[in-house]
Amino acid sequence: MRMWIDSNTKRYVPVDEDLVIGIVVDKRTEDYRLDVRGPSYGVLSALSFEGATKRNKPKLEIGSLVYCRVSNSYRDAESELSCLSLTYKKGWMTGQAVFGELEGGHMIETSIG
């Protein structure tokens, strides 16, 4: 059963399998916190990239933009994010992965209302 509520909040609420662009706001030993412009930050594990290992994982800096998917969303907690594709298996180091850090270009923030 699927349910939704229409409201006038005009604020993004993460849902499982959404594709999002997040901004790295904090980096810890094993994960990153990303601002996905939702009610709370999302958490992205450093091992949630195709082919990443404890010795060989992306090194994202604060302010980096990351294209990822919402793997688990929670109403009152941080969503879990992932850069693992369910269908496309190219490693993050090849530069051919679907998800990962976005380099070059510009990000423009716009209103949805």
PDB file of N, CA and C in Angstrom:
ATOM      1  N   MET A   1       0.836  -1.167   0.000  1.00  0.00           N
ATOM      2  CA  MET A   1       0.000   0.000   0.000  1.00  0.00           C
ATOM      3  C   MET A   1       0.890   1.243   0.000  1.00  0.00           C
ATOM      4  N   ARG A   2       0.639   2.156  -0.908  1.00  0.00           N
ATOM      5  CA  ARG A   2       1.391   3.409  -0.991  1.00  0.00           C
ATOM      6  C   ARG A   2       0.485   4.549  -0.568  1.00  0.00           C
ATOM      7  N   MET A   3       1.052   5.452   0.235  1.00  0.00           N
ATOM      8  CA  MET A   3       0.289   6.617   0.659  1.00  0.00           C
ATOM      9  C   MET A   3       1.172   7.835   0.550  1.00  0.00           C
ATOM     10  N   TRP A   4       0.582   8.987   0.327  1.00  0.00           N
ATOM     11  CA  TRP A   4       1.320  10.232   0.345  1.00  0.00           C
ATOM     12  C   TRP A   4       0.381  11.345   0.773  1.00  0.00           C
ATOM     13  N   ILE A   5       0.985  12.401   1.224  1.00  0.00           N
ATOM     14  CA  ILE A   5       0.215  13.548   1.681  1.00  0.00           C
ATOM     15  C   ILE A   5       0.679  14.762   0.895  1.00  0.00           C
ATOM     16  N   ASP A   6      -0.241  15.442   0.269  1.00  0.00           N
ATOM     17  CA  ASP A   6       0.084  16.693  -0.411  1.00  0.00           C
ATOM     18  C   ASP A   6       0.042  17.805   0.625  1.00  0.00           C
ATOM     19  N   SER A   7       1.049  18.636   0.594  1.00  0.00           N
ATOM     20  CA  SER A   7       1.069  19.753   1.538  1.00  0.00           C
ATOM     21  C   SER A   7       1.721  20.955   0.876  1.00  0.00           C
ATOM     22  N   ASN A   8       1.728  22.037   1.577  1.00  0.00           N
ATOM     23  CA  ASN A   8       2.314  23.269   1.057  1.00  0.00           C
ATOM     24  C   ASN A   8       3.697  23.537   1.623  1.00  0.00           C
ATOM     25  N   THR A   9       4.381  22.511   2.144  1.00  0.00           N
ATOM     26  CA  THR A   9       5.679  22.739   2.775  1.00  0.00           C
ATOM     27  C   THR A   9       6.758  23.086   1.768  1.00  0.00           C
ATOM     28  N   LYS A  10       6.661  22.601   0.550  1.00  0.00           N
ATOM     29  CA  LYS A  10       7.641  22.864  -0.504  1.00  0.00           C
ATOM     30  C   LYS A  10       9.053  22.509  -0.067  1.00  0.00           C
ATOM     31  N   ARG A  11       9.215  21.465   0.691  1.00  0.00           N
ATOM     32  CA  ARG A  11      10.526  21.018   1.136  1.00  0.00           C
ATOM     33  C   ARG A  11      10.711  19.580   0.675  1.00  0.00           C
ATOM     34  N   TYR A  12      11.892  19.302   0.150  1.00  0.00           N
ATOM     35  CA  TYR A  12      12.189  17.954  -0.333  1.00  0.00           C
ATOM     36  C   TYR A  12      12.259  16.982   0.843  1.00  0.00           C
ATOM     37  N   VAL A  13      11.620  15.840   0.701  1.00  0.00           N
ATOM     38  CA  VAL A  13      11.693  14.770   1.696  1.00  0.00           C
ATOM     39  C   VAL A  13      12.216  13.537   0.973  1.00  0.00           C
ATOM     40  N   PRO A  14      13.394  13.032   1.374  1.00  0.00           N
ATOM     41  CA  PRO A  14      13.985  11.872   0.689  1.00  0.00           C
ATOM     42  C   PRO A  14      13.097  10.629   0.744  1.00  0.00           C
ATOM     43  N   VAL A  15      13.085   9.911  -0.356  1.00  0.00           N
ATOM     44  CA  VAL A  15      12.354   8.655  -0.473  1.00  0.00           C
ATOM     45  C   VAL A  15      13.322   7.618  -1.039  1.00  0.00           C
ATOM     46  N   ASP A  16      13.186   6.374  -0.611  1.00  0.00           N
ATOM     47  CA  ASP A  16      14.063   5.303  -1.094  1.00  0.00           C
ATOM     48  C   ASP A  16      14.170   5.319  -2.615  1.00  0.00           C
ATOM     49  N   GLU A  17      15.393   5.169  -3.107  1.00  0.00           N
ATOM     50  CA  GLU A  17      15.754   5.104  -4.523  1.00  0.00           C
ATOM     51  C   GLU A  17      15.684   6.451  -5.252  1.00  0.00           C
ATOM     52  N   ASP A  18      15.477   7.546  -4.535  1.00  0.00           N
ATOM     53  CA  ASP A  18      15.589   8.871  -5.162  1.00  0.00           C
ATOM     54  C   ASP A  18      17.035   9.097  -5.587  1.00  0.00           C
ATOM     55  N   LEU A  19      17.235   9.790  -6.674  1.00  0.00           N
ATOM     56  CA  LEU A  19      18.568  10.186  -7.127  1.00  0.00           C
ATOM     57  C   LEU A  19      18.765  11.638  -6.722  1.00  0.00           C
ATOM     58  N   VAL A  20      19.845  11.910  -5.986  1.00  0.00           N
ATOM     59  CA  VAL A  20      20.054  13.239  -5.418  1.00  0.00           C
ATOM     60  C   VAL A  20      21.473  13.733  -5.649  1.00  0.00           C
ATOM     61  N   ILE A  21      21.638  15.039  -5.556  1.00  0.00           N
ATOM     62  CA  ILE A  21      22.961  15.647  -5.524  1.00  0.00           C
ATOM     63  C   ILE A  21      23.128  16.202  -4.118  1.00  0.00           C
ATOM     64  N   GLY A  22      24.168  15.751  -3.438  1.00  0.00           N
ATOM     65  CA  GLY A  22      24.426  16.204  -2.082  1.00  0.00           C
ATOM     66  C   GLY A  22      25.717  16.988  -2.003  1.00  0.00           C
ATOM     67  N   ILE A  23      25.789  17.875  -1.033  1.00  0.00           N
ATOM     68  CA  ILE A  23      26.990  18.668  -0.780  1.00  0.00           C
ATOM     69  C   ILE A  23      27.631  18.141   0.497  1.00  0.00           C
ATOM     70  N   VAL A  24      28.905  17.774   0.430  1.00  0.00           N
ATOM     71  CA  VAL A  24      29.602  17.255   1.601  1.00  0.00           C
ATOM     72  C   VAL A  24      29.740  18.381   2.628  1.00  0.00           C
ATOM     73  N   VAL A  25      29.180  18.153   3.828  1.00  0.00           N
ATOM     74  CA  VAL A  25      29.255  19.157   4.890  1.00  0.00           C
ATOM     75  C   VAL A  25      30.114  18.696   6.062  1.00  0.00           C
ATOM     76  N   ASP A  26      30.407  17.392   6.117  1.00  0.00           N
ATOM     77  CA  ASP A  26      31.245  16.855   7.195  1.00  0.00           C
ATOM     78  C   ASP A  26      31.864  15.556   6.705  1.00  0.00           C
ATOM     79  N   LYS A  27      33.128  15.349   7.049  1.00  0.00           N
ATOM     80  CA  LYS A  27      33.756  14.076   6.688  1.00  0.00           C
ATOM     81  C   LYS A  27      34.320  13.447   7.951  1.00  0.00           C
ATOM     82  N   ARG A  28      34.045  12.158   8.086  1.00  0.00           N
ATOM     83  CA  ARG A  28      34.516  11.392   9.222  1.00  0.00           C
ATOM     84  C   ARG A  28      35.379  10.247   8.705  1.00  0.00           C
ATOM     85  N   THR A  29      35.872   9.437   9.574  1.00  0.00           N
ATOM     86  CA  THR A  29      36.779   8.365   9.183  1.00  0.00           C
ATOM     87  C   THR A  29      36.161   7.408   8.170  1.00  0.00           C
ATOM     88  N   GLU A  30      34.956   6.980   8.414  1.00  0.00           N
ATOM     89  CA  GLU A  30      34.332   5.959   7.570  1.00  0.00           C
ATOM     90  C   GLU A  30      33.158   6.457   6.731  1.00  0.00           C
ATOM     91  N   ASP A  31      32.751   7.710   6.908  1.00  0.00           N
ATOM     92  CA  ASP A  31      31.617   8.184   6.132  1.00  0.00           C
ATOM     93  C   ASP A  31      31.623   9.708   5.990  1.00  0.00           C
ATOM     94  N   TYR A  32      30.660  10.176   5.222  1.00  0.00           N
ATOM     95  CA  TYR A  32      30.489  11.601   4.959  1.00  0.00           C
ATOM     96  C   TYR A  32      29.047  11.977   5.264  1.00  0.00           C
ATOM     97  N   ARG A  33      28.836  13.198   5.686  1.00  0.00           N
ATOM     98  CA  ARG A  33      27.477  13.731   5.843  1.00  0.00           C
ATOM     99  C   ARG A  33      27.242  14.674   4.674  1.00  0.00           C
ATOM    100  N   LEU A  34      26.112  14.482   3.997  1.00  0.00           N
ATOM    101  CA  LEU A  34      25.780  15.285   2.828  1.00  0.00           C
ATOM    102  C   LEU A  34      24.477  16.042   3.048  1.00  0.00           C
ATOM    103  N   ASP A  35      24.469  17.272   2.607  1.00  0.00           N
ATOM    104  CA  ASP A  35      23.252  18.074   2.629  1.00  0.00           C
ATOM    105  C   ASP A  35      22.527  17.822   1.315  1.00  0.00           C
ATOM    106  N   VAL A  36      21.357  17.186   1.400  1.00  0.00           N
ATOM    107  CA  VAL A  36      20.554  16.907   0.214  1.00  0.00           C
ATOM    108  C   VAL A  36      19.331  17.815   0.177  1.00  0.00           C
ATOM    109  N   ARG A  37      19.370  18.870   0.971  1.00  0.00           N
ATOM    110  CA  ARG A  37      18.303  19.870   1.073  1.00  0.00           C
ATOM    111  C   ARG A  37      16.996  19.261   1.582  1.00  0.00           C
ATOM    112  N   GLY A  38      17.117  18.251   2.438  1.00  0.00           N
ATOM    113  CA  GLY A  38      15.959  17.642   3.083  1.00  0.00           C
ATOM    114  C   GLY A  38      15.876  18.093   4.531  1.00  0.00           C
ATOM    115  N   PRO A  39      14.995  17.493   5.316  1.00  0.00           N
ATOM    116  CA  PRO A  39      14.856  17.874   6.720  1.00  0.00           C
ATOM    117  C   PRO A  39      16.089  17.520   7.560  1.00  0.00           C
ATOM    118  N   SER A  40      16.881  16.549   7.107  1.00  0.00           N
ATOM    119  CA  SER A  40      18.126  16.204   7.804  1.00  0.00           C
ATOM    120  C   SER A  40      19.173  15.811   6.767  1.00  0.00           C
ATOM    121  N   TYR A  41      20.407  15.717   7.219  1.00  0.00           N
ATOM    122  CA  TYR A  41      21.492  15.329   6.322  1.00  0.00           C
ATOM    123  C   TYR A  41      21.381  13.855   5.963  1.00  0.00           C
ATOM    124  N   GLY A  42      22.102  13.455   4.933  1.00  0.00           N
ATOM    125  CA  GLY A  42      22.221  12.052   4.561  1.00  0.00           C
ATOM    126  C   GLY A  42      23.623  11.572   4.891  1.00  0.00           C
ATOM    127  N   VAL A  43      23.774  10.286   5.142  1.00  0.00           N
ATOM    128  CA  VAL A  43      25.070   9.693   5.461  1.00  0.00           C
ATOM    129  C   VAL A  43      25.501   8.810   4.300  1.00  0.00           C
ATOM    130  N   LEU A  44      26.721   9.036   3.813  1.00  0.00           N
ATOM    131  CA  LEU A  44      27.290   8.264   2.709  1.00  0.00           C
ATOM    132  C   LEU A  44      28.551   7.578   3.206  1.00  0.00           C
ATOM    133  N   SER A  45      28.525   6.257   3.242  1.00  0.00           N
ATOM    134  CA  SER A  45      29.696   5.493   3.659  1.00  0.00           C
ATOM    135  C   SER A  45      30.806   5.633   2.617  1.00  0.00           C
ATOM    136  N   ALA A  46      32.039   5.705   3.073  1.00  0.00           N
ATOM    137  CA  ALA A  46      33.175   5.788   2.155  1.00  0.00           C
ATOM    138  C   ALA A  46      33.315   4.503   1.346  1.00  0.00           C
ATOM    139  N   LEU A  47      32.683   3.420   1.789  1.00  0.00           N
ATOM    140  CA  LEU A  47      32.742   2.148   1.067  1.00  0.00           C
ATOM    141  C   LEU A  47      31.524   1.942   0.168  1.00  0.00           C
ATOM    142  N   SER A  48      30.658   2.943   0.080  1.00  0.00           N
ATOM    143  CA  SER A  48      29.461   2.846  -0.758  1.00  0.00           C
ATOM    144  C   SER A  48      29.704   3.320  -2.182  1.00  0.00           C
ATOM    145  N   PHE A  49      30.898   3.073  -2.697  1.00  0.00           N
ATOM    146  CA  PHE A  49      31.258   3.384  -4.076  1.00  0.00           C
ATOM    147  C   PHE A  49      31.666   2.083  -4.744  1.00  0.00           C
ATOM    148  N   GLU A  50      31.336   1.899  -6.028  1.00  0.00           N
ATOM    149  CA  GLU A  50      31.714   0.676  -6.749  1.00  0.00           C
ATOM    150  C   GLU A  50      33.218   0.469  -6.668  1.00  0.00           C
ATOM    151  N   GLY A  51      33.643  -0.684  -6.187  1.00  0.00           N
ATOM    152  CA  GLY A  51      35.055  -1.028  -6.147  1.00  0.00           C
ATOM    153  C   GLY A  51      35.840  -0.425  -4.998  1.00  0.00           C
ATOM    154  N   ALA A  52      35.194   0.319  -4.104  1.00  0.00           N
ATOM    155  CA  ALA A  52      35.910   0.924  -2.975  1.00  0.00           C
ATOM    156  C   ALA A  52      36.271  -0.129  -1.935  1.00  0.00           C
ATOM    157  N   THR A  53      37.447   0.024  -1.360  1.00  0.00           N
ATOM    158  CA  THR A  53      37.900  -0.838  -0.265  1.00  0.00           C
ATOM    159  C   THR A  53      38.405   0.058   0.855  1.00  0.00           C
ATOM    160  N   LYS A  54      38.740  -0.530   1.996  1.00  0.00           N
ATOM    161  CA  LYS A  54      39.262   0.279   3.106  1.00  0.00           C
ATOM    162  C   LYS A  54      40.558   0.989   2.739  1.00  0.00           C
ATOM    163  N   ARG A  55      41.333   0.401   1.866  1.00  0.00           N
ATOM    164  CA  ARG A  55      42.604   1.016   1.448  1.00  0.00           C
ATOM    165  C   ARG A  55      42.459   1.917   0.235  1.00  0.00           C
ATOM    166  N   ASN A  56      41.413   1.712  -0.533  1.00  0.00           N
ATOM    167  CA  ASN A  56      41.242   2.437  -1.784  1.00  0.00           C
ATOM    168  C   ASN A  56      39.811   2.966  -1.873  1.00  0.00           C
ATOM    169  N   LYS A  57      39.603   4.158  -1.349  1.00  0.00           N
ATOM    170  CA  LYS A  57      38.272   4.747  -1.345  1.00  0.00           C
ATOM    171  C   LYS A  57      38.364   6.224  -1.706  1.00  0.00           C
ATOM    172  N   PRO A  58      37.266   6.802  -2.172  1.00  0.00           N
ATOM    173  CA  PRO A  58      37.292   8.216  -2.551  1.00  0.00           C
ATOM    174  C   PRO A  58      37.632   9.114  -1.367  1.00  0.00           C
ATOM    175  N   LYS A  59      38.295  10.195  -1.647  1.00  0.00           N
ATOM    176  CA  LYS A  59      38.625  11.181  -0.619  1.00  0.00           C
ATOM    177  C   LYS A  59      37.909  12.473  -0.990  1.00  0.00           C
ATOM    178  N   LEU A  60      36.708  12.626  -0.473  1.00  0.00           N
ATOM    179  CA  LEU A  60      35.894  13.790  -0.770  1.00  0.00           C
ATOM    180  C   LEU A  60      36.221  14.913   0.208  1.00  0.00           C
ATOM    181  N   GLU A  61      36.181  16.132  -0.276  1.00  0.00           N
ATOM    182  CA  GLU A  61      36.425  17.304   0.561  1.00  0.00           C
ATOM    183  C   GLU A  61      35.106  17.985   0.888  1.00  0.00           C
ATOM    184  N   ILE A  62      35.093  18.752   1.959  1.00  0.00           N
ATOM    185  CA  ILE A  62      33.909  19.530   2.315  1.00  0.00           C
ATOM    186  C   ILE A  62      33.610  20.498   1.169  1.00  0.00           C
ATOM    187  N   GLY A  63      32.350  20.524   0.762  1.00  0.00           N
ATOM    188  CA  GLY A  63      31.933  21.355  -0.367  1.00  0.00           C
ATOM    189  C   GLY A  63      31.837  20.587  -1.674  1.00  0.00           C
ATOM    190  N   SER A  64      32.353  19.353  -1.715  1.00  0.00           N
ATOM    191  CA  SER A  64      32.258  18.535  -2.937  1.00  0.00           C
ATOM    192  C   SER A  64      30.806  18.186  -3.223  1.00  0.00           C
ATOM    193  N   LEU A  65      30.471  18.092  -4.500  1.00  0.00           N
ATOM    194  CA  LEU A  65      29.138  17.669  -4.914  1.00  0.00           C
ATOM    195  C   LEU A  65      29.185  16.189  -5.262  1.00  0.00           C
ATOM    196  N   VAL A  66      28.202  15.441  -4.792  1.00  0.00           N
ATOM    197  CA  VAL A  66      28.158  14.000  -5.021  1.00  0.00           C
ATOM    198  C   VAL A  66      26.782  13.616  -5.562  1.00  0.00           C
ATOM    199  N   TYR A  67      26.790  12.905  -6.692  1.00  0.00           N
ATOM    200  CA  TYR A  67      25.561  12.358  -7.256  1.00  0.00           C
ATOM    201  C   TYR A  67      25.389  10.963  -6.674  1.00  0.00           C
ATOM    202  N   CYS A  68      24.284  10.733  -5.981  1.00  0.00           N
ATOM    203  CA  CYS A  68      24.084   9.445  -5.319  1.00  0.00           C
ATOM    204  C   CYS A  68      22.597   9.112  -5.268  1.00  0.00           C
ATOM    205  N   ARG A  69      22.290   7.976  -4.674  1.00  0.00           N
ATOM    206  CA  ARG A  69      20.895   7.577  -4.525  1.00  0.00           C
ATOM    207  C   ARG A  69      20.590   7.369  -3.052  1.00  0.00           C
ATOM    208  N   VAL A  70      19.334   7.538  -2.700  1.00  0.00           N
ATOM    209  CA  VAL A  70      18.888   7.309  -1.327  1.00  0.00           C
ATOM    210  C   VAL A  70      18.640   5.811  -1.190  1.00  0.00           C
ATOM    211  N   SER A  71      19.454   5.139  -0.386  1.00  0.00           N
ATOM    212  CA  SER A  71      19.268   3.691  -0.231  1.00  0.00           C
ATOM    213  C   SER A  71      18.257   3.374   0.863  1.00  0.00           C
ATOM    214  N   ASN A  72      18.219   4.167   1.912  1.00  0.00           N
ATOM    215  CA  ASN A  72      17.229   4.005   2.981  1.00  0.00           C
ATOM    216  C   ASN A  72      16.868   5.381   3.510  1.00  0.00           C
ATOM    217  N   SER A  73      15.595   5.688   3.511  1.00  0.00           N
ATOM    218  CA  SER A  73      15.158   6.974   4.043  1.00  0.00           C
ATOM    219  C   SER A  73      14.411   6.739   5.352  1.00  0.00           C
ATOM    220  N   TYR A  74      14.581   7.650   6.268  1.00  0.00           N
ATOM    221  CA  TYR A  74      13.942   7.561   7.578  1.00  0.00           C
ATOM    222  C   TYR A  74      13.247   8.871   7.874  1.00  0.00           C
ATOM    223  N   ARG A  75      12.100   8.786   8.444  1.00  0.00           N
ATOM    224  CA  ARG A  75      11.302   9.978   8.716  1.00  0.00           C
ATOM    225  C   ARG A  75      11.990  10.912   9.710  1.00  0.00           C
ATOM    226  N   ASP A  76      12.559  10.370  10.773  1.00  0.00           N
ATOM    227  CA  ASP A  76      13.114  11.203  11.838  1.00  0.00           C
ATOM    228  C   ASP A  76      14.617  11.017  12.042  1.00  0.00           C
ATOM    229  N   ALA A  77      15.317  10.549  11.024  1.00  0.00           N
ATOM    230  CA  ALA A  77      16.760  10.340  11.153  1.00  0.00           C
ATOM    231  C   ALA A  77      17.428  10.610   9.808  1.00  0.00           C
ATOM    232  N   GLU A  78      18.749  10.600   9.807  1.00  0.00           N
ATOM    233  CA  GLU A  78      19.494  10.831   8.572  1.00  0.00           C
ATOM    234  C   GLU A  78      19.278   9.688   7.594  1.00  0.00           C
ATOM    235  N   SER A  79      19.081  10.027   6.342  1.00  0.00           N
ATOM    236  CA  SER A  79      18.912   9.014   5.301  1.00  0.00           C
ATOM    237  C   SER A  79      20.259   8.381   4.978  1.00  0.00           C
ATOM    238  N   GLU A  80      20.230   7.131   4.546  1.00  0.00           N
ATOM    239  CA  GLU A  80      21.443   6.459   4.095  1.00  0.00           C
ATOM    240  C   GLU A  80      21.557   6.661   2.591  1.00  0.00           C
ATOM    241  N   LEU A  81      22.735   7.090   2.158  1.00  0.00           N
ATOM    242  CA  LEU A  81      22.994   7.343   0.746  1.00  0.00           C
ATOM    243  C   LEU A  81      23.985   6.320   0.218  1.00  0.00           C
ATOM    244  N   SER A  82      23.977   6.108  -1.083  1.00  0.00           N
ATOM    245  CA  SER A  82      24.894   5.143  -1.686  1.00  0.00           C
ATOM    246  C   SER A  82      25.288   5.591  -3.083  1.00  0.00           C
ATOM    247  N   CYS A  83      26.506   5.266  -3.465  1.00  0.00           N
ATOM    248  CA  CYS A  83      26.974   5.496  -4.834  1.00  0.00           C
ATOM    249  C   CYS A  83      27.129   4.164  -5.561  1.00  0.00           C
ATOM    250  N   LEU A  84      26.428   3.150  -5.084  1.00  0.00           N
ATOM    251  CA  LEU A  84      26.426   1.841  -5.735  1.00  0.00           C
ATOM    252  C   LEU A  84      25.232   1.766  -6.663  1.00  0.00           C
ATOM    253  N   SER A  85      25.465   1.444  -7.918  1.00  0.00           N
ATOM    254  CA  SER A  85      24.388   1.292  -8.887  1.00  0.00           C
ATOM    255  C   SER A  85      23.845  -0.125  -8.796  1.00  0.00           C
ATOM    256  N   LEU A  86      22.549  -0.264  -8.919  1.00  0.00           N
ATOM    257  CA  LEU A  86      21.946  -1.587  -8.868  1.00  0.00           C
ATOM    258  C   LEU A  86      22.111  -2.342 -10.183  1.00  0.00           C
ATOM    259  N   THR A  87      22.449  -1.621 -11.264  1.00  0.00           N
ATOM    260  CA  THR A  87      22.532  -2.276 -12.572  1.00  0.00           C
ATOM    261  C   THR A  87      23.863  -2.076 -13.287  1.00  0.00           C
ATOM    262  N   TYR A  88      24.543  -0.987 -13.030  1.00  0.00           N
ATOM    263  CA  TYR A  88      25.759  -0.639 -13.775  1.00  0.00           C
ATOM    264  C   TYR A  88      26.962  -0.794 -12.858  1.00  0.00           C
ATOM    265  N   LYS A  89      27.923  -1.625 -13.199  1.00  0.00           N
ATOM    266  CA  LYS A  89      28.990  -1.997 -12.277  1.00  0.00           C
ATOM    267  C   LYS A  89      30.377  -1.477 -12.649  1.00  0.00           C
ATOM    268  N   LYS A  90      30.519  -0.254 -13.066  1.00  0.00           N
ATOM    269  CA  LYS A  90      31.847   0.317 -13.334  1.00  0.00           C
ATOM    270  C   LYS A  90      32.390   0.921 -12.048  1.00  0.00           C
ATOM    271  N   GLY A  91      33.671   0.726 -11.773  1.00  0.00           N
ATOM    272  CA  GLY A  91      34.292   1.229 -10.557  1.00  0.00           C
ATOM    273  C   GLY A  91      34.426   2.740 -10.545  1.00  0.00           C
ATOM    274  N   TRP A  92      34.454   3.317  -9.355  1.00  0.00           N
ATOM    275  CA  TRP A  92      34.539   4.777  -9.225  1.00  0.00           C
ATOM    276  C   TRP A  92      35.862   5.316  -9.749  1.00  0.00           C
ATOM    277  N   MET A  93      36.913   4.511  -9.732  1.00  0.00           N
ATOM    278  CA  MET A  93      38.222   4.982 -10.183  1.00  0.00           C
ATOM    279  C   MET A  93      38.311   5.111 -11.708  1.00  0.00           C
ATOM    280  N   THR A  94      37.450   4.408 -12.431  1.00  0.00           N
ATOM    281  CA  THR A  94      37.509   4.454 -13.895  1.00  0.00           C
ATOM    282  C   THR A  94      36.933   5.754 -14.455  1.00  0.00           C
ATOM    283  N   GLY A  95      36.154   6.457 -13.638  1.00  0.00           N
ATOM    284  CA  GLY A  95      35.502   7.659 -14.127  1.00  0.00           C
ATOM    285  C   GLY A  95      34.252   7.347 -14.934  1.00  0.00           C
ATOM    286  N   GLN A  96      33.879   6.071 -15.012  1.00  0.00           N
ATOM    287  CA  GLN A  96      32.719   5.660 -15.789  1.00  0.00           C
ATOM    288  C   GLN A  96      31.538   5.254 -14.913  1.00  0.00           C
ATOM    289  N   ALA A  97      31.672   5.401 -13.601  1.00  0.00           N
ATOM    290  CA  ALA A  97      30.591   5.030 -12.697  1.00  0.00           C
ATOM    291  C   ALA A  97      29.417   5.990 -12.857  1.00  0.00           C
ATOM    292  N   VAL A  98      28.219   5.491 -12.636  1.00  0.00           N
ATOM    293  CA  VAL A  98      27.019   6.316 -12.735  1.00  0.00           C
ATOM    294  C   VAL A  98      27.003   7.353 -11.611  1.00  0.00           C
ATOM    295  N   PHE A  99      27.341   6.923 -10.408  1.00  0.00           N
ATOM    296  CA  PHE A  99      27.298   7.792  -9.238  1.00  0.00           C
ATOM    297  C   PHE A  99      28.704   8.165  -8.791  1.00  0.00           C
ATOM    298  N   GLY A 100      28.810   9.240  -8.044  1.00  0.00           N
ATOM    299  CA  GLY A 100      30.100   9.645  -7.498  1.00  0.00           C
ATOM    300  C   GLY A 100      30.246  11.154  -7.459  1.00  0.00           C
ATOM    301  N   GLU A 101      31.477  11.604  -7.241  1.00  0.00           N
ATOM    302  CA  GLU A 101      31.744  13.029  -7.146  1.00  0.00           C
ATOM    303  C   GLU A 101      31.556  13.695  -8.514  1.00  0.00           C
ATOM    304  N   LEU A 102      30.924  14.849  -8.491  1.00  0.00           N
ATOM    305  CA  LEU A 102      30.738  15.637  -9.709  1.00  0.00           C
ATOM    306  C   LEU A 102      31.869  16.649  -9.780  1.00  0.00           C
ATOM    307  N   GLU A 103      32.539  16.685 -10.906  1.00  0.00           N
ATOM    308  CA  GLU A 103      33.667  17.602 -11.068  1.00  0.00           C
ATOM    309  C   GLU A 103      33.418  18.522 -12.248  1.00  0.00           C
ATOM    310  N   GLY A 104      33.850  19.769 -12.116  1.00  0.00           N
ATOM    311  CA  GLY A 104      33.630  20.747 -13.179  1.00  0.00           C
ATOM    312  C   GLY A 104      32.188  21.214 -13.180  1.00  0.00           C
ATOM    313  N   GLY A 105      31.895  22.211 -13.947  1.00  0.00           N
ATOM    314  CA  GLY A 105      30.528  22.702 -14.054  1.00  0.00           C
ATOM    315  C   GLY A 105      30.138  23.609 -12.907  1.00  0.00           C
ATOM    316  N   HIS A 106      28.870  23.918 -12.830  1.00  0.00           N
ATOM    317  CA  HIS A 106      28.328  24.823 -11.826  1.00  0.00           C
ATOM    318  C   HIS A 106      27.065  24.228 -11.233  1.00  0.00           C
ATOM    319  N   MET A 107      26.843  24.515  -9.969  1.00  0.00           N
ATOM    320  CA  MET A 107      25.581  24.127  -9.340  1.00  0.00           C
ATOM    321  C   MET A 107      24.805  25.402  -9.081  1.00  0.00           C
ATOM    322  N   ILE A 108      23.556  25.399  -9.521  1.00  0.00           N
ATOM    323  CA  ILE A 108      22.686  26.547  -9.335  1.00  0.00           C
ATOM    324  C   ILE A 108      21.497  26.113  -8.505  1.00  0.00           C
ATOM    325  N   GLU A 109      21.258  26.796  -7.420  1.00  0.00           N
ATOM    326  CA  GLU A 109      20.142  26.480  -6.558  1.00  0.00           C
ATOM    327  C   GLU A 109      18.930  27.305  -6.981  1.00  0.00           C
ATOM    328  N   THR A 110      17.787  26.635  -7.128  1.00  0.00           N
ATOM    329  CA  THR A 110      16.577  27.345  -7.554  1.00  0.00           C
ATOM    330  C   THR A 110      15.433  27.016  -6.609  1.00  0.00           C
ATOM    331  N   SER A 111      14.410  27.810  -6.644  1.00  0.00           N
ATOM    332  CA  SER A 111      13.217  27.599  -5.837  1.00  0.00           C
ATOM    333  C   SER A 111      12.301  26.622  -6.549  1.00  0.00           C
ATOM    334  N   ILE A 112      11.548  25.827  -5.788  1.00  0.00           N
ATOM    335  CA  ILE A 112      10.589  24.920  -6.413  1.00  0.00           C
ATOM    336  C   ILE A 112       9.178  25.497  -6.357  1.00  0.00           C
ATOM    337  N   GLY A 113       9.056  26.692  -5.796  1.00  0.00           N
ATOM    338  CA  GLY A 113       7.716  27.269  -5.637  1.00  0.00           C
ATOM    339  C   GLY A 113       7.469  28.464  -6.490  1.00  0.00           C
TER     340      GLY A 113
END
